[in-house]
Amino acid sequence: MPKTVKTTYTAINLETGEVYTGIDAPQSITRGETHFWQASKDFFAALLGYGTVESKVVANLLHRTDPKTNHIACTLSELRKELSCTRDTVASAIKKMESKRLIIGIGQGVWMLNPRMLAMGNQTQIALLMAEYDKYVSERTGAALVVGKYVLKNPVTAEELPLPPECDDKLMFLDGNTQFWKIYDVFFGAIAGLSENELRVLLHMMDINKSKGGGTYNRPLTVIADEARVSVPTVNRAVKKLKKRNLIIRYCNCNWMINPLVVANGNKRKQKRKSFASQFQ
């Protein structure tokens, strides 16, 4: 495996003058079945509210995202032809994604995916993406750019990039997130075309609102119907679809497992990803 080439930044506290050295960010990021995106709870919430065809547009755009820059480049015509849908459907899906702050337009046929919701790379890379995204939001909306007390100094250009307030209390790019979800590229294809109710059932089984998350769901499906406010037949149909998409598997009575090869809890506890893999072959 080739050695990862990195850029080493220096972080400077503008209030105290304190300097942190040796802060690395990868110069390139490789996609693949073992490389994952870090997803927040807000990302999953932003997946709701689309029609089934619109959800294909969302999944397609997410899959097109450049993991180094979080940029998405394509035209509405390309999406329309690839997905065999109308231009209005594509435009509607993109408008909803923008209203949910999942993406922001940064040029003709170019968007940036919100790195606070979904990003790949280490925490330095994500901090840099957050700073860039905030700049675009400020330029697009006219709102004042809100920055924190740290800047990252580029060793090549000597440019000092202001970091967002999230990096203030504990340097996010040093300490890392304590809670996120690992999303693998196959997730985007697996959710393409799912209905609102089918997605709600999946997210409910993932227990994304729990601090420790979960890879299993150990309650009867009737509980999902009650808590998600959908009918039992709707839940049954959704579960069949999720199983067909290889997103879940039932391994004992009311015990269900979320496929960790597709999506998994990503807190500091290591995921036993390989040990579960055989369940989904």
Protein backbone atom coordinates (compact mmCIF):
# COMPACT_ATOMS: atom_id res chain seq x y z
CA MET A 1 0.00 0.00 0.00
CA PRO A 2 1.51 3.37 -1.02
CA LYS A 3 2.38 5.80 1.72
CA THR A 4 -0.13 8.62 2.22
CA VAL A 5 1.28 12.03 1.26
CA LYS A 6 0.33 14.68 3.79
CA THR A 7 0.47 18.44 4.23
CA THR A 8 1.55 19.49 7.71
CA TYR A 9 -0.13 22.63 9.03
CA THR A 10 0.49 24.84 12.03
CA ALA A 11 -2.46 25.93 14.19
CA ILE A 12 -2.23 29.32 15.88
CA ASN A 13 -4.43 30.55 18.73
CA LEU A 14 -5.09 34.19 17.86
CA GLU A 15 -5.98 35.05 21.46
CA THR A 16 -2.98 33.56 23.23
CA GLY A 17 -0.45 33.17 20.45
CA GLU A 18 -0.09 29.48 21.32
CA VAL A 19 1.14 27.38 18.41
CA TYR A 20 0.41 23.73 17.62
CA THR A 21 2.65 22.00 15.09
CA GLY A 22 2.49 18.70 13.27
CA ILE A 23 -1.16 18.92 12.22
CA ASP A 24 -1.48 16.72 9.15
CA ALA A 25 -4.07 16.62 6.38
CA PRO A 26 -3.91 14.16 3.45
CA GLN A 27 -3.09 15.65 0.05
CA SER A 28 -5.37 13.11 -1.62
CA ILE A 29 -8.22 10.89 -0.47
CA THR A 30 -8.99 7.53 -2.04
CA ARG A 31 -12.48 6.10 -2.37
CA GLY A 32 -13.10 2.38 -1.96
CA GLU A 33 -15.04 -0.22 -0.04
CA THR A 34 -12.78 0.17 3.02
CA HIS A 35 -12.84 3.98 3.03
CA PHE A 36 -15.71 5.64 4.82
CA TRP A 37 -17.46 8.98 5.14
CA GLN A 38 -18.16 10.47 8.55
CA ALA A 39 -21.87 11.25 8.82
CA SER A 40 -23.67 13.26 11.49
CA LYS A 41 -27.25 12.85 12.71
CA ASP A 42 -28.13 15.93 10.66
CA PHE A 43 -27.08 14.09 7.51
CA PHE A 44 -29.67 11.39 8.04
CA ALA A 45 -32.36 13.96 8.82
CA ALA A 46 -31.51 15.68 5.53
CA LEU A 47 -32.26 12.45 3.63
CA LEU A 48 -35.96 12.69 4.50
CA GLY A 49 -38.60 14.67 2.65
CA TYR A 50 -38.03 13.53 -0.94
CA GLY A 51 -40.12 11.56 -3.40
CA THR A 52 -38.79 8.18 -4.51
CA VAL A 53 -37.41 9.53 -7.80
CA GLU A 54 -35.99 12.60 -6.04
CA SER A 55 -34.17 10.28 -3.65
CA LYS A 56 -32.36 8.79 -6.65
CA VAL A 57 -31.15 12.29 -7.52
CA VAL A 58 -29.92 12.79 -3.95
CA ALA A 59 -28.10 9.45 -3.90
CA ASN A 60 -26.52 10.14 -7.29
CA LEU A 61 -25.21 13.54 -6.22
CA LEU A 62 -23.83 12.13 -2.98
CA HIS A 63 -22.03 9.40 -4.91
CA ARG A 64 -20.49 12.02 -7.22
CA THR A 65 -18.96 13.95 -4.32
CA ASP A 66 -15.19 14.43 -4.52
CA PRO A 67 -13.94 13.20 -1.11
CA LYS A 68 -11.00 15.63 -1.12
CA THR A 69 -13.01 18.81 -1.76
CA ASN A 70 -16.63 17.78 -1.04
CA HIS A 71 -17.46 19.33 -4.41
CA ILE A 72 -20.11 17.89 -6.72
CA ALA A 73 -19.89 18.71 -10.43
CA CYS A 74 -22.58 17.78 -12.94
CA THR A 75 -25.34 19.33 -14.98
CA LEU A 76 -29.07 18.90 -14.59
CA SER A 77 -29.12 17.38 -18.08
CA GLU A 78 -26.59 14.73 -17.07
CA LEU A 79 -28.66 13.77 -14.06
CA ARG A 80 -31.89 13.76 -16.04
CA LYS A 81 -30.46 11.43 -18.71
CA GLU A 82 -28.69 9.13 -16.28
CA LEU A 83 -31.73 8.70 -14.03
CA SER A 84 -34.38 8.87 -16.77
CA CYS A 85 -36.36 11.52 -14.94
CA THR A 86 -37.61 15.00 -15.71
CA ARG A 87 -35.61 18.19 -15.37
CA ASP A 88 -38.20 19.46 -12.89
CA THR A 89 -37.63 16.43 -10.66
CA VAL A 90 -33.86 17.02 -10.65
CA ALA A 91 -34.31 20.72 -9.93
CA SER A 92 -36.80 20.00 -7.14
CA ALA A 93 -34.46 17.52 -5.46
CA ILE A 94 -31.52 19.95 -5.60
CA LYS A 95 -33.66 22.77 -4.24
CA LYS A 96 -34.69 20.59 -1.30
CA MET A 97 -31.07 19.58 -0.66
CA GLU A 98 -30.10 23.26 -0.56
CA SER A 99 -33.00 24.16 1.75
CA LYS A 100 -31.89 21.41 4.14
CA ARG A 101 -28.34 22.83 3.99
CA LEU A 102 -27.05 19.53 2.70
CA ILE A 103 -25.40 21.28 -0.26
CA ILE A 104 -24.73 24.82 -1.42
CA GLY A 105 -24.27 26.04 -4.97
CA ILE A 106 -20.78 27.41 -5.58
CA GLY A 107 -20.81 27.76 -9.37
CA GLN A 108 -22.61 26.75 -12.55
CA GLY A 109 -23.27 23.03 -12.15
CA VAL A 110 -21.09 22.82 -9.03
CA TRP A 111 -22.17 22.36 -5.41
CA MET A 112 -20.37 21.74 -2.14
CA LEU A 113 -21.59 19.07 0.26
CA ASN A 114 -21.89 20.32 3.84
CA PRO A 115 -18.87 18.77 5.64
CA ARG A 116 -20.63 19.07 9.00
CA MET A 117 -23.06 16.47 7.69
CA LEU A 118 -20.81 14.27 5.59
CA ALA A 119 -17.07 14.28 4.92
CA MET A 120 -14.12 11.96 4.43
CA GLY A 121 -10.58 12.27 5.79
CA ASN A 122 -9.06 13.16 9.14
CA GLN A 123 -10.22 15.97 11.40
CA THR A 124 -7.77 18.49 9.95
CA GLN A 125 -9.18 17.87 6.49
CA ILE A 126 -12.75 18.21 7.78
CA ALA A 127 -11.89 21.46 9.59
CA LEU A 128 -10.49 22.86 6.34
CA LEU A 129 -13.64 21.83 4.48
CA MET A 130 -15.83 23.45 7.14
CA ALA A 131 -13.92 26.71 6.79
CA GLU A 132 -14.34 26.63 3.00
CA TYR A 133 -18.05 25.80 3.25
CA ASP A 134 -18.63 28.66 5.70
CA LYS A 135 -16.92 31.05 3.28
CA TYR A 136 -19.29 30.01 0.48
CA VAL A 137 -22.31 30.39 2.76
CA SER A 138 -21.18 33.90 3.71
CA GLU A 139 -20.64 34.86 0.06
CA ARG A 140 -23.95 33.35 -1.05
CA THR A 141 -26.15 34.74 1.72
CA GLY A 142 -24.32 37.94 2.64
CA ALA A 143 -24.17 36.84 6.27
CA ALA A 144 -21.07 37.71 8.26
CA LEU A 145 -18.47 34.95 8.36
CA VAL A 146 -18.30 33.52 11.89
CA VAL A 147 -14.84 32.29 12.83
CA GLY A 148 -13.20 30.91 15.93
CA LYS A 149 -9.94 31.74 17.66
CA TYR A 150 -7.70 29.42 15.65
CA VAL A 151 -6.17 29.70 12.20
CA LEU A 152 -4.38 27.01 10.23
CA LYS A 153 -1.21 28.17 8.49
CA ASN A 154 -0.41 26.52 5.18
CA PRO A 155 3.31 25.59 5.10
CA VAL A 156 3.58 26.17 1.36
CA THR A 157 1.62 29.39 0.81
CA ALA A 158 1.86 30.77 4.38
CA GLU A 159 -1.87 31.52 4.09
CA GLU A 160 -3.67 31.59 7.43
CA LEU A 161 -7.15 30.09 7.18
CA PRO A 162 -9.60 31.02 9.96
CA LEU A 163 -11.27 27.96 11.46
CA PRO A 164 -14.91 27.74 12.59
CA PRO A 165 -15.91 28.05 16.27
CA GLU A 166 -16.28 24.26 16.59
CA CYS A 167 -12.50 24.11 16.84
CA ASP A 168 -12.28 26.48 19.82
CA ASP A 169 -12.81 24.48 23.02
CA LYS A 170 -10.91 21.42 21.93
CA LEU A 171 -9.06 21.46 18.67
CA MET A 172 -11.43 19.28 16.70
CA PHE A 173 -8.71 18.43 14.23
CA LEU A 174 -6.51 17.12 17.06
CA ASP A 175 -8.98 15.38 19.35
CA GLY A 176 -11.45 14.12 16.74
CA ASN A 177 -15.18 13.62 16.89
CA THR A 178 -16.53 11.39 19.63
CA GLN A 179 -19.62 10.34 17.71
CA PHE A 180 -20.38 9.86 14.04
CA TRP A 181 -21.61 7.23 11.63
CA LYS A 182 -19.42 5.49 9.07
CA ILE A 183 -20.98 5.60 5.63
CA TYR A 184 -19.48 3.49 2.85
CA ASP A 185 -19.99 4.31 -0.83
CA VAL A 186 -22.42 1.40 -1.29
CA PHE A 187 -24.82 3.19 1.08
CA PHE A 188 -25.71 5.74 -1.58
CA GLY A 189 -26.83 3.10 -4.06
CA ALA A 190 -28.65 1.18 -1.35
CA ILE A 191 -30.88 4.12 -0.41
CA ALA A 192 -31.54 5.34 -3.97
CA GLY A 193 -35.26 5.19 -4.67
CA LEU A 194 -36.32 4.33 -1.12
CA SER A 195 -39.56 5.92 -0.02
CA GLU A 196 -39.87 8.29 2.92
CA ASN A 197 -41.37 5.53 5.10
CA GLU A 198 -38.70 3.01 4.12
CA LEU A 199 -35.97 5.46 5.12
CA ARG A 200 -37.74 6.27 8.37
CA VAL A 201 -37.85 2.58 9.26
CA LEU A 202 -34.13 2.20 8.50
CA LEU A 203 -33.16 5.24 10.57
CA HIS A 204 -35.37 4.05 13.42
CA MET A 205 -33.65 0.66 13.42
CA MET A 206 -30.27 2.41 13.41
CA ASP A 207 -31.26 4.36 16.55
CA ILE A 208 -29.33 7.35 15.24
CA ASN A 209 -30.54 9.59 18.07
CA LYS A 210 -28.84 7.47 20.72
CA SER A 211 -25.40 8.59 21.86
CA LYS A 212 -23.99 5.09 21.48
CA GLY A 213 -25.90 4.32 18.34
CA GLY A 214 -26.33 0.72 17.49
CA GLY A 215 -25.66 -1.98 14.97
CA THR A 216 -28.63 -4.01 16.10
CA TYR A 217 -32.34 -3.52 16.71
CA ASN A 218 -33.89 -5.80 19.31
CA ARG A 219 -37.59 -4.93 19.40
CA PRO A 220 -40.69 -6.17 17.53
CA LEU A 221 -41.52 -4.40 14.30
CA THR A 222 -44.83 -3.32 15.84
CA VAL A 223 -42.78 -1.00 18.05
CA ILE A 224 -41.41 0.71 14.93
CA ALA A 225 -44.94 1.20 13.67
CA ASP A 226 -45.96 2.88 16.93
CA GLU A 227 -42.88 5.05 17.32
CA ALA A 228 -42.47 5.98 13.65
CA ARG A 229 -46.23 6.53 13.31
CA VAL A 230 -46.69 4.26 10.33
CA SER A 231 -48.82 1.16 9.88
CA VAL A 232 -47.55 -2.36 10.56
CA PRO A 233 -48.04 -3.39 6.89
CA THR A 234 -45.93 -0.35 5.90
CA VAL A 235 -43.17 -1.48 8.25
CA ASN A 236 -43.31 -5.02 6.91
CA ARG A 237 -43.00 -3.80 3.32
CA ALA A 238 -40.15 -1.49 4.30
CA VAL A 239 -38.24 -4.27 6.05
CA LYS A 240 -38.55 -6.50 2.99
CA LYS A 241 -37.12 -3.72 0.84
CA LEU A 242 -34.28 -3.02 3.29
CA LYS A 243 -33.38 -6.71 3.38
CA LYS A 244 -33.39 -6.85 -0.42
CA ARG A 245 -31.07 -3.84 -0.51
CA ASN A 246 -28.72 -5.68 1.89
CA LEU A 247 -29.09 -2.95 4.51
CA ILE A 248 -30.39 -5.20 7.31
CA ILE A 249 -30.61 -8.86 8.26
CA ARG A 250 -32.67 -10.69 10.88
CA TYR A 251 -30.51 -13.10 12.84
CA CYS A 252 -32.85 -14.20 15.64
CA ASN A 253 -36.57 -13.60 16.21
CA CYS A 254 -36.90 -9.83 16.79
CA ASN A 255 -33.16 -9.20 16.52
CA TRP A 256 -32.02 -7.26 13.46
CA MET A 257 -28.53 -6.23 12.41
CA ILE A 258 -27.60 -3.19 10.37
CA ASN A 259 -25.10 -4.16 7.69
CA PRO A 260 -21.75 -2.77 8.96
CA LEU A 261 -20.34 -3.05 5.44
CA VAL A 262 -22.76 -0.29 4.45
CA VAL A 263 -23.24 1.88 7.54
CA ALA A 264 -21.85 1.53 11.06
CA ASN A 265 -21.53 3.47 14.28
CA GLY A 266 -18.25 5.34 14.19
CA ASN A 267 -17.53 6.48 17.73
CA LYS A 268 -14.14 5.78 19.27
CA ARG A 269 -15.03 2.18 19.94
CA LYS A 270 -13.68 0.06 17.10
CA GLN A 271 -16.26 -1.50 14.83
CA LYS A 272 -16.12 -5.27 14.45
CA ARG A 273 -16.73 -4.79 10.77
CA LYS A 274 -15.07 -7.93 9.47
CA SER A 275 -16.62 -10.23 12.07
CA PHE A 276 -20.11 -9.32 10.86
CA ALA A 277 -19.29 -9.46 7.17
CA SER A 278 -20.18 -13.13 6.74
CA GLN A 279 -23.75 -12.39 7.83
CA PHE A 280 -24.29 -10.40 4.64
CA GLN A 281 -22.66 -12.63 2.04
